[in-house]
């Protein structure tokens, strides 16, 4: 789920709000002016990954995986 940046057009407070791509927000400014004047800013996307984690083996074909040991390979000795 993406995290969007918003700025209040009254008090210019900036905040981040986590919501779905197709959702619209109807939220008052959290800074205290209490107005529903939040406008989304254009910024680089931010994503929060939750769950067990992301592993290289999840998406790549086996021949393109790096630094992945199989059951049969011994771990490299530390130098």
PDB file of N, CA and C in Angstrom:
ATOM      1  N   UNK A   1       0.853  -1.169   0.000  1.00  0.00           N
ATOM      2  CA  UNK A   1       0.000   0.000   0.000  1.00  0.00           C
ATOM      3  C   UNK A   1       0.906   1.241   0.000  1.00  0.00           C
ATOM      4  N   UNK A   2       0.640   2.186  -0.880  1.00  0.00           N
ATOM      5  CA  UNK A   2       1.514   3.368  -0.971  1.00  0.00           C
ATOM      6  C   UNK A   2       1.279   4.379   0.145  1.00  0.00           C
ATOM      7  N   UNK A   3       2.322   5.144   0.408  1.00  0.00           N
ATOM      8  CA  UNK A   3       2.271   6.221   1.389  1.00  0.00           C
ATOM      9  C   UNK A   3       2.327   7.534   0.604  1.00  0.00           C
ATOM     10  N   UNK A   4       1.340   8.382   0.774  1.00  0.00           N
ATOM     11  CA  UNK A   4       1.262   9.639   0.041  1.00  0.00           C
ATOM     12  C   UNK A   4       1.572  10.814   0.961  1.00  0.00           C
ATOM     13  N   UNK A   5       2.174  11.846   0.393  1.00  0.00           N
ATOM     14  CA  UNK A   5       2.465  13.066   1.135  1.00  0.00           C
ATOM     15  C   UNK A   5       1.376  14.093   0.842  1.00  0.00           C
ATOM     16  N   UNK A   6       0.946  14.785   1.884  1.00  0.00           N
ATOM     17  CA  UNK A   6      -0.090  15.816   1.764  1.00  0.00           C
ATOM     18  C   UNK A   6       0.386  17.093   2.437  1.00  0.00           C
ATOM     19  N   UNK A   7      -0.119  18.217   1.954  1.00  0.00           N
ATOM     20  CA  UNK A   7       0.163  19.520   2.571  1.00  0.00           C
ATOM     21  C   UNK A   7      -1.165  20.254   2.743  1.00  0.00           C
ATOM     22  N   UNK A   8      -1.327  20.839   3.922  1.00  0.00           N
ATOM     23  CA  UNK A   8      -2.513  21.646   4.206  1.00  0.00           C
ATOM     24  C   UNK A   8      -2.356  22.991   3.497  1.00  0.00           C
ATOM     25  N   UNK A   9      -3.370  23.398   2.761  1.00  0.00           N
ATOM     26  CA  UNK A   9      -3.278  24.668   2.026  1.00  0.00           C
ATOM     27  C   UNK A   9      -3.522  25.875   2.929  1.00  0.00           C
ATOM     28  N   UNK A  10      -3.940  25.646   4.181  1.00  0.00           N
ATOM     29  CA  UNK A  10      -4.167  26.754   5.114  1.00  0.00           C
ATOM     30  C   UNK A  10      -2.914  26.998   5.969  1.00  0.00           C
ATOM     31  N   UNK A  11      -2.441  25.960   6.675  1.00  0.00           N
ATOM     32  CA  UNK A  11      -1.309  26.146   7.597  1.00  0.00           C
ATOM     33  C   UNK A  11       0.008  25.598   7.037  1.00  0.00           C
ATOM     34  N   UNK A  12      -0.016  24.975   5.872  1.00  0.00           N
ATOM     35  CA  UNK A  12       1.149  24.437   5.170  1.00  0.00           C
ATOM     36  C   UNK A  12       1.846  23.295   5.911  1.00  0.00           C
ATOM     37  N   UNK A  13       1.145  22.641   6.811  1.00  0.00           N
ATOM     38  CA  UNK A  13       1.697  21.467   7.494  1.00  0.00           C
ATOM     39  C   UNK A  13       1.735  20.302   6.506  1.00  0.00           C
ATOM     40  N   UNK A  14       2.866  19.547   6.493  1.00  0.00           N
ATOM     41  CA  UNK A  14       2.988  18.382   5.623  1.00  0.00           C
ATOM     42  C   UNK A  14       2.865  17.116   6.449  1.00  0.00           C
ATOM     43  N   UNK A  15       2.185  16.119   5.895  1.00  0.00           N
ATOM     44  CA  UNK A  15       1.980  14.852   6.579  1.00  0.00           C
ATOM     45  C   UNK A  15       1.988  13.729   5.560  1.00  0.00           C
ATOM     46  N   UNK A  16       2.174  12.512   6.036  1.00  0.00           N
ATOM     47  CA  UNK A  16       2.125  11.329   5.187  1.00  0.00           C
ATOM     48  C   UNK A  16       0.938  10.481   5.605  1.00  0.00           C
ATOM     49  N   UNK A  17       0.216   9.956   4.610  1.00  0.00           N
ATOM     50  CA  UNK A  17      -0.965   9.143   4.890  1.00  0.00           C
ATOM     51  C   UNK A  17      -0.883   7.874   4.053  1.00  0.00           C
ATOM     52  N   UNK A  18      -1.072   6.742   4.710  1.00  0.00           N
ATOM     53  CA  UNK A  18      -1.063   5.445   4.059  1.00  0.00           C
ATOM     54  C   UNK A  18      -2.486   5.103   3.629  1.00  0.00           C
ATOM     55  N   UNK A  19      -2.698   4.926   2.324  1.00  0.00           N
ATOM     56  CA  UNK A  19      -4.009   4.507   1.835  1.00  0.00           C
ATOM     57  C   UNK A  19      -3.873   3.909   0.455  1.00  0.00           C
ATOM     58  N   UNK A  20      -4.904   3.229   0.000  1.00  0.00           N
ATOM     59  CA  UNK A  20      -4.905   2.587  -1.302  1.00  0.00           C
ATOM     60  C   UNK A  20      -4.843   3.590  -2.445  1.00  0.00           C
ATOM     61  N   UNK A  21      -4.422   3.101  -3.614  1.00  0.00           N
ATOM     62  CA  UNK A  21      -4.248   3.981  -4.767  1.00  0.00           C
ATOM     63  C   UNK A  21      -5.554   4.624  -5.223  1.00  0.00           C
ATOM     64  N   UNK A  22      -6.647   3.913  -5.121  1.00  0.00           N
ATOM     65  CA  UNK A  22      -7.932   4.422  -5.610  1.00  0.00           C
ATOM     66  C   UNK A  22      -8.772   5.081  -4.529  1.00  0.00           C
ATOM     67  N   UNK A  23      -8.256   5.142  -3.319  1.00  0.00           N
ATOM     68  CA  UNK A  23      -9.001   5.766  -2.225  1.00  0.00           C
ATOM     69  C   UNK A  23      -8.817   7.281  -2.250  1.00  0.00           C
ATOM     70  N   UNK A  24      -9.850   7.985  -1.859  1.00  0.00           N
ATOM     71  CA  UNK A  24      -9.726   9.423  -1.649  1.00  0.00           C
ATOM     72  C   UNK A  24      -9.795   9.655  -0.144  1.00  0.00           C
ATOM     73  N   UNK A  25      -9.121  10.692   0.320  1.00  0.00           N
ATOM     74  CA  UNK A  25      -9.134  10.934   1.760  1.00  0.00           C
ATOM     75  C   UNK A  25     -10.094  12.072   2.072  1.00  0.00           C
ATOM     76  N   UNK A  26     -10.712  11.960   3.195  1.00  0.00           N
ATOM     77  CA  UNK A  26     -11.578  13.011   3.715  1.00  0.00           C
ATOM     78  C   UNK A  26     -11.149  13.192   5.166  1.00  0.00           C
ATOM     79  N   UNK A  27     -10.006  13.827   5.326  1.00  0.00           N
ATOM     80  CA  UNK A  27      -9.385  13.919   6.644  1.00  0.00           C
ATOM     81  C   UNK A  27      -9.008  15.363   6.923  1.00  0.00           C
ATOM     82  N   UNK A  28      -9.229  15.781   8.132  1.00  0.00           N
ATOM     83  CA  UNK A  28      -8.860  17.135   8.554  1.00  0.00           C
ATOM     84  C   UNK A  28      -7.360  17.200   8.789  1.00  0.00           C
ATOM     85  N   UNK A  29      -6.812  18.385   8.708  1.00  0.00           N
ATOM     86  CA  UNK A  29      -5.388  18.612   8.943  1.00  0.00           C
ATOM     87  C   UNK A  29      -5.040  18.168  10.363  1.00  0.00           C
ATOM     88  N   UNK A  30      -4.025  17.316  10.522  1.00  0.00           N
ATOM     89  CA  UNK A  30      -3.673  16.830  11.858  1.00  0.00           C
ATOM     90  C   UNK A  30      -2.913  17.848  12.707  1.00  0.00           C
ATOM     91  N   UNK A  31      -2.507  18.966  12.124  1.00  0.00           N
ATOM     92  CA  UNK A  31      -1.709  19.956  12.845  1.00  0.00           C
ATOM     93  C   UNK A  31      -2.539  20.778  13.820  1.00  0.00           C
ATOM     94  N   UNK A  32      -3.793  20.910  13.577  1.00  0.00           N
ATOM     95  CA  UNK A  32      -4.601  21.667  14.529  1.00  0.00           C
ATOM     96  C   UNK A  32      -5.512  22.689  13.894  1.00  0.00           C
ATOM     97  N   UNK A  33      -5.277  23.032  12.616  1.00  0.00           N
ATOM     98  CA  UNK A  33      -6.185  24.004  12.004  1.00  0.00           C
ATOM     99  C   UNK A  33      -7.539  23.349  11.738  1.00  0.00           C
ATOM    100  N   UNK A  34      -7.563  22.007  11.635  1.00  0.00           N
ATOM    101  CA  UNK A  34      -8.818  21.272  11.542  1.00  0.00           C
ATOM    102  C   UNK A  34      -9.573  21.406  10.232  1.00  0.00           C
ATOM    103  N   UNK A  35      -8.992  22.023   9.238  1.00  0.00           N
ATOM    104  CA  UNK A  35      -9.661  22.217   7.953  1.00  0.00           C
ATOM    105  C   UNK A  35      -9.453  20.992   7.059  1.00  0.00           C
ATOM    106  N   UNK A  36     -10.404  20.715   6.196  1.00  0.00           N
ATOM    107  CA  UNK A  36     -10.273  19.638   5.218  1.00  0.00           C
ATOM    108  C   UNK A  36      -9.646  20.193   3.947  1.00  0.00           C
ATOM    109  N   UNK A  37      -8.413  20.684   4.052  1.00  0.00           N
ATOM    110  CA  UNK A  37      -7.755  21.330   2.920  1.00  0.00           C
ATOM    111  C   UNK A  37      -6.435  20.653   2.582  1.00  0.00           C
ATOM    112  N   UNK A  38      -6.348  19.342   2.770  1.00  0.00           N
ATOM    113  CA  UNK A  38      -5.134  18.614   2.432  1.00  0.00           C
ATOM    114  C   UNK A  38      -5.078  18.383   0.928  1.00  0.00           C
ATOM    115  N   UNK A  39      -3.926  18.677   0.337  1.00  0.00           N
ATOM    116  CA  UNK A  39      -3.712  18.452  -1.089  1.00  0.00           C
ATOM    117  C   UNK A  39      -2.525  17.514  -1.244  1.00  0.00           C
ATOM    118  N   UNK A  40      -2.661  16.520  -2.121  1.00  0.00           N
ATOM    119  CA  UNK A  40      -1.588  15.553  -2.311  1.00  0.00           C
ATOM    120  C   UNK A  40      -0.436  16.190  -3.069  1.00  0.00           C
ATOM    121  N   UNK A  41       0.786  15.932  -2.595  1.00  0.00           N
ATOM    122  CA  UNK A  41       1.985  16.445  -3.231  1.00  0.00           C
ATOM    123  C   UNK A  41       2.509  15.439  -4.250  1.00  0.00           C
ATOM    124  N   UNK A  42       3.195  15.917  -5.255  1.00  0.00           N
ATOM    125  CA  UNK A  42       3.851  15.040  -6.216  1.00  0.00           C
ATOM    126  C   UNK A  42       5.221  14.700  -5.647  1.00  0.00           C
ATOM    127  N   UNK A  43       5.461  13.428  -5.394  1.00  0.00           N
ATOM    128  CA  UNK A  43       6.720  13.011  -4.794  1.00  0.00           C
ATOM    129  C   UNK A  43       7.041  11.600  -5.250  1.00  0.00           C
ATOM    130  N   UNK A  44       8.227  11.144  -4.925  1.00  0.00           N
ATOM    131  CA  UNK A  44       8.633   9.779  -5.243  1.00  0.00           C
ATOM    132  C   UNK A  44       7.762   8.815  -4.443  1.00  0.00           C
ATOM    133  N   UNK A  45       7.391   7.698  -5.029  1.00  0.00           N
ATOM    134  CA  UNK A  45       6.531   6.756  -4.306  1.00  0.00           C
ATOM    135  C   UNK A  45       7.250   6.125  -3.128  1.00  0.00           C
ATOM    136  N   UNK A  46       6.507   5.868  -2.078  1.00  0.00           N
ATOM    137  CA  UNK A  46       7.010   5.163  -0.902  1.00  0.00           C
ATOM    138  C   UNK A  46       6.094   3.973  -0.679  1.00  0.00           C
ATOM    139  N   UNK A  47       6.686   2.860  -0.327  1.00  0.00           N
ATOM    140  CA  UNK A  47       5.909   1.649  -0.130  1.00  0.00           C
ATOM    141  C   UNK A  47       6.330   1.016   1.186  1.00  0.00           C
ATOM    142  N   UNK A  48       5.365   0.510   1.904  1.00  0.00           N
ATOM    143  CA  UNK A  48       5.659  -0.206   3.146  1.00  0.00           C
ATOM    144  C   UNK A  48       5.431  -1.690   2.892  1.00  0.00           C
ATOM    145  N   UNK A  49       6.494  -2.482   3.033  1.00  0.00           N
ATOM    146  CA  UNK A  49       6.371  -3.925   2.900  1.00  0.00           C
ATOM    147  C   UNK A  49       6.129  -4.499   4.283  1.00  0.00           C
ATOM    148  N   UNK A  50       5.136  -5.347   4.391  1.00  0.00           N
ATOM    149  CA  UNK A  50       4.880  -5.982   5.673  1.00  0.00           C
ATOM    150  C   UNK A  50       4.714  -7.477   5.448  1.00  0.00           C
ATOM    151  N   UNK A  51       4.921  -8.227   6.464  1.00  0.00           N
ATOM    152  CA  UNK A  51       4.808  -9.671   6.343  1.00  0.00           C
ATOM    153  C   UNK A  51       6.126 -10.336   6.649  1.00  0.00           C
ATOM    154  N   UNK A  52       6.347 -11.481   6.051  1.00  0.00           N
ATOM    155  CA  UNK A  52       7.540 -12.271   6.323  1.00  0.00           C
ATOM    156  C   UNK A  52       8.805 -11.662   5.749  1.00  0.00           C
ATOM    157  N   UNK A  53       8.693 -10.819   4.758  1.00  0.00           N
ATOM    158  CA  UNK A  53       9.876 -10.214   4.157  1.00  0.00           C
ATOM    159  C   UNK A  53       9.944 -10.505   2.677  1.00  0.00           C
ATOM    160  N   UNK A  54      10.915  -9.927   2.044  1.00  0.00           N
ATOM    161  CA  UNK A  54      11.106 -10.121   0.614  1.00  0.00           C
ATOM    162  C   UNK A  54      12.440 -10.829   0.425  1.00  0.00           C
ATOM    163  N   UNK A  55      12.409 -11.880  -0.344  1.00  0.00           N
ATOM    164  CA  UNK A  55      13.615 -12.659  -0.591  1.00  0.00           C
ATOM    165  C   UNK A  55      13.914 -12.683  -2.074  1.00  0.00           C
ATOM    166  N   UNK A  56      15.175 -12.788  -2.398  1.00  0.00           N
ATOM    167  CA  UNK A  56      15.602 -12.819  -3.785  1.00  0.00           C
ATOM    168  C   UNK A  56      14.992 -14.000  -4.524  1.00  0.00           C
ATOM    169  N   UNK A  57      14.701 -15.062  -3.826  1.00  0.00           N
ATOM    170  CA  UNK A  57      14.146 -16.257  -4.457  1.00  0.00           C
ATOM    171  C   UNK A  57      12.661 -16.114  -4.788  1.00  0.00           C
ATOM    172  N   UNK A  58      12.011 -15.056  -4.345  1.00  0.00           N
ATOM    173  CA  UNK A  58      10.582 -14.894  -4.587  1.00  0.00           C
ATOM    174  C   UNK A  58      10.260 -14.571  -6.042  1.00  0.00           C
ATOM    175  N   UNK A  59      11.080 -13.771  -6.706  1.00  0.00           N
ATOM    176  CA  UNK A  59      10.728 -13.259  -8.024  1.00  0.00           C
ATOM    177  C   UNK A  59      11.675 -13.665  -9.149  1.00  0.00           C
ATOM    178  N   UNK A  60      12.939 -13.961  -8.840  1.00  0.00           N
ATOM    179  CA  UNK A  60      13.922 -14.179  -9.895  1.00  0.00           C
ATOM    180  C   UNK A  60      14.034 -15.648 -10.272  1.00  0.00           C
ATOM    181  N   UNK A  61      14.361 -15.898 -11.554  1.00  0.00           N
ATOM    182  CA  UNK A  61      14.676 -17.278 -11.929  1.00  0.00           C
ATOM    183  C   UNK A  61      15.959 -17.721 -11.236  1.00  0.00           C
ATOM    184  N   UNK A  62      16.104 -19.001 -11.025  1.00  0.00           N
ATOM    185  CA  UNK A  62      17.220 -19.528 -10.246  1.00  0.00           C
ATOM    186  C   UNK A  62      18.581 -19.096 -10.797  1.00  0.00           C
ATOM    187  N   UNK A  63      18.742 -19.017 -12.106  1.00  0.00           N
ATOM    188  CA  UNK A  63      20.052 -18.678 -12.680  1.00  0.00           C
ATOM    189  C   UNK A  63      20.433 -17.214 -12.474  1.00  0.00           C
ATOM    190  N   UNK A  64      19.489 -16.344 -12.107  1.00  0.00           N
ATOM    191  CA  UNK A  64      19.800 -14.933 -11.877  1.00  0.00           C
ATOM    192  C   UNK A  64      19.898 -14.572 -10.401  1.00  0.00           C
ATOM    193  N   UNK A  65      19.726 -15.530  -9.521  1.00  0.00           N
ATOM    194  CA  UNK A  65      19.798 -15.265  -8.084  1.00  0.00           C
ATOM    195  C   UNK A  65      21.250 -15.150  -7.649  1.00  0.00           C
ATOM    196  N   UNK A  66      21.519 -14.227  -6.752  1.00  0.00           N
ATOM    197  CA  UNK A  66      22.862 -14.024  -6.209  1.00  0.00           C
ATOM    198  C   UNK A  66      22.858 -14.347  -4.727  1.00  0.00           C
ATOM    199  N   UNK A  67      23.976 -14.796  -4.240  1.00  0.00           N
ATOM    200  CA  UNK A  67      24.185 -14.991  -2.795  1.00  0.00           C
ATOM    201  C   UNK A  67      23.128 -15.873  -2.142  1.00  0.00           C
ATOM    202  N   UNK A  68      22.698 -16.881  -2.853  1.00  0.00           N
ATOM    203  CA  UNK A  68      21.697 -17.784  -2.299  1.00  0.00           C
ATOM    204  C   UNK A  68      22.322 -19.172  -2.212  1.00  0.00           C
ATOM    205  N   UNK A  69      22.351 -19.739  -1.012  1.00  0.00           N
ATOM    206  CA  UNK A  69      22.900 -21.071  -0.821  1.00  0.00           C
ATOM    207  C   UNK A  69      21.798 -22.102  -0.952  1.00  0.00           C
ATOM    208  N   UNK A  70      22.139 -23.221  -1.548  1.00  0.00           N
ATOM    209  CA  UNK A  70      21.201 -24.341  -1.583  1.00  0.00           C
ATOM    210  C   UNK A  70      21.529 -25.261  -0.414  1.00  0.00           C
ATOM    211  N   UNK A  71      20.695 -26.260  -0.209  1.00  0.00           N
ATOM    212  CA  UNK A  71      20.927 -27.208   0.894  1.00  0.00           C
ATOM    213  C   UNK A  71      22.246 -27.956   0.719  1.00  0.00           C
ATOM    214  N   UNK A  72      22.647 -28.206  -0.524  1.00  0.00           N
ATOM    215  CA  UNK A  72      23.820 -29.007  -0.789  1.00  0.00           C
ATOM    216  C   UNK A  72      25.134 -28.250  -0.742  1.00  0.00           C
ATOM    217  N   UNK A  73      25.077 -26.891  -0.796  1.00  0.00           N
ATOM    218  CA  UNK A  73      26.298 -26.091  -0.801  1.00  0.00           C
ATOM    219  C   UNK A  73      26.719 -25.746   0.624  1.00  0.00           C
ATOM    220  N   UNK A  74      28.012 -25.916   0.936  1.00  0.00           N
ATOM    221  CA  UNK A  74      28.482 -25.503   2.269  1.00  0.00           C
ATOM    222  C   UNK A  74      28.657 -24.003   2.316  1.00  0.00           C
ATOM    223  N   UNK A  75      28.536 -23.432   3.474  1.00  0.00           N
ATOM    224  CA  UNK A  75      28.751 -21.996   3.641  1.00  0.00           C
ATOM    225  C   UNK A  75      30.233 -21.698   3.468  1.00  0.00           C
ATOM    226  N   UNK A  76      30.577 -20.553   2.891  1.00  0.00           N
ATOM    227  CA  UNK A  76      31.979 -20.185   2.678  1.00  0.00           C
ATOM    228  C   UNK A  76      32.640 -19.933   4.028  1.00  0.00           C
ATOM    229  N   UNK A  77      33.882 -20.361   4.145  1.00  0.00           N
ATOM    230  CA  UNK A  77      34.624 -20.144   5.387  1.00  0.00           C
ATOM    231  C   UNK A  77      34.964 -18.680   5.534  1.00  0.00           C
ATOM    232  N   UNK A  78      34.853 -18.142   6.720  1.00  0.00           N
ATOM    233  CA  UNK A  78      35.178 -16.732   6.934  1.00  0.00           C
ATOM    234  C   UNK A  78      36.674 -16.529   6.877  1.00  0.00           C
ATOM    235  N   UNK A  79      37.091 -15.408   6.343  1.00  0.00           N
ATOM    236  CA  UNK A  79      38.516 -15.112   6.134  1.00  0.00           C
ATOM    237  C   UNK A  79      39.114 -14.396   7.306  1.00  0.00           C
TER     238      UNK A  79
END
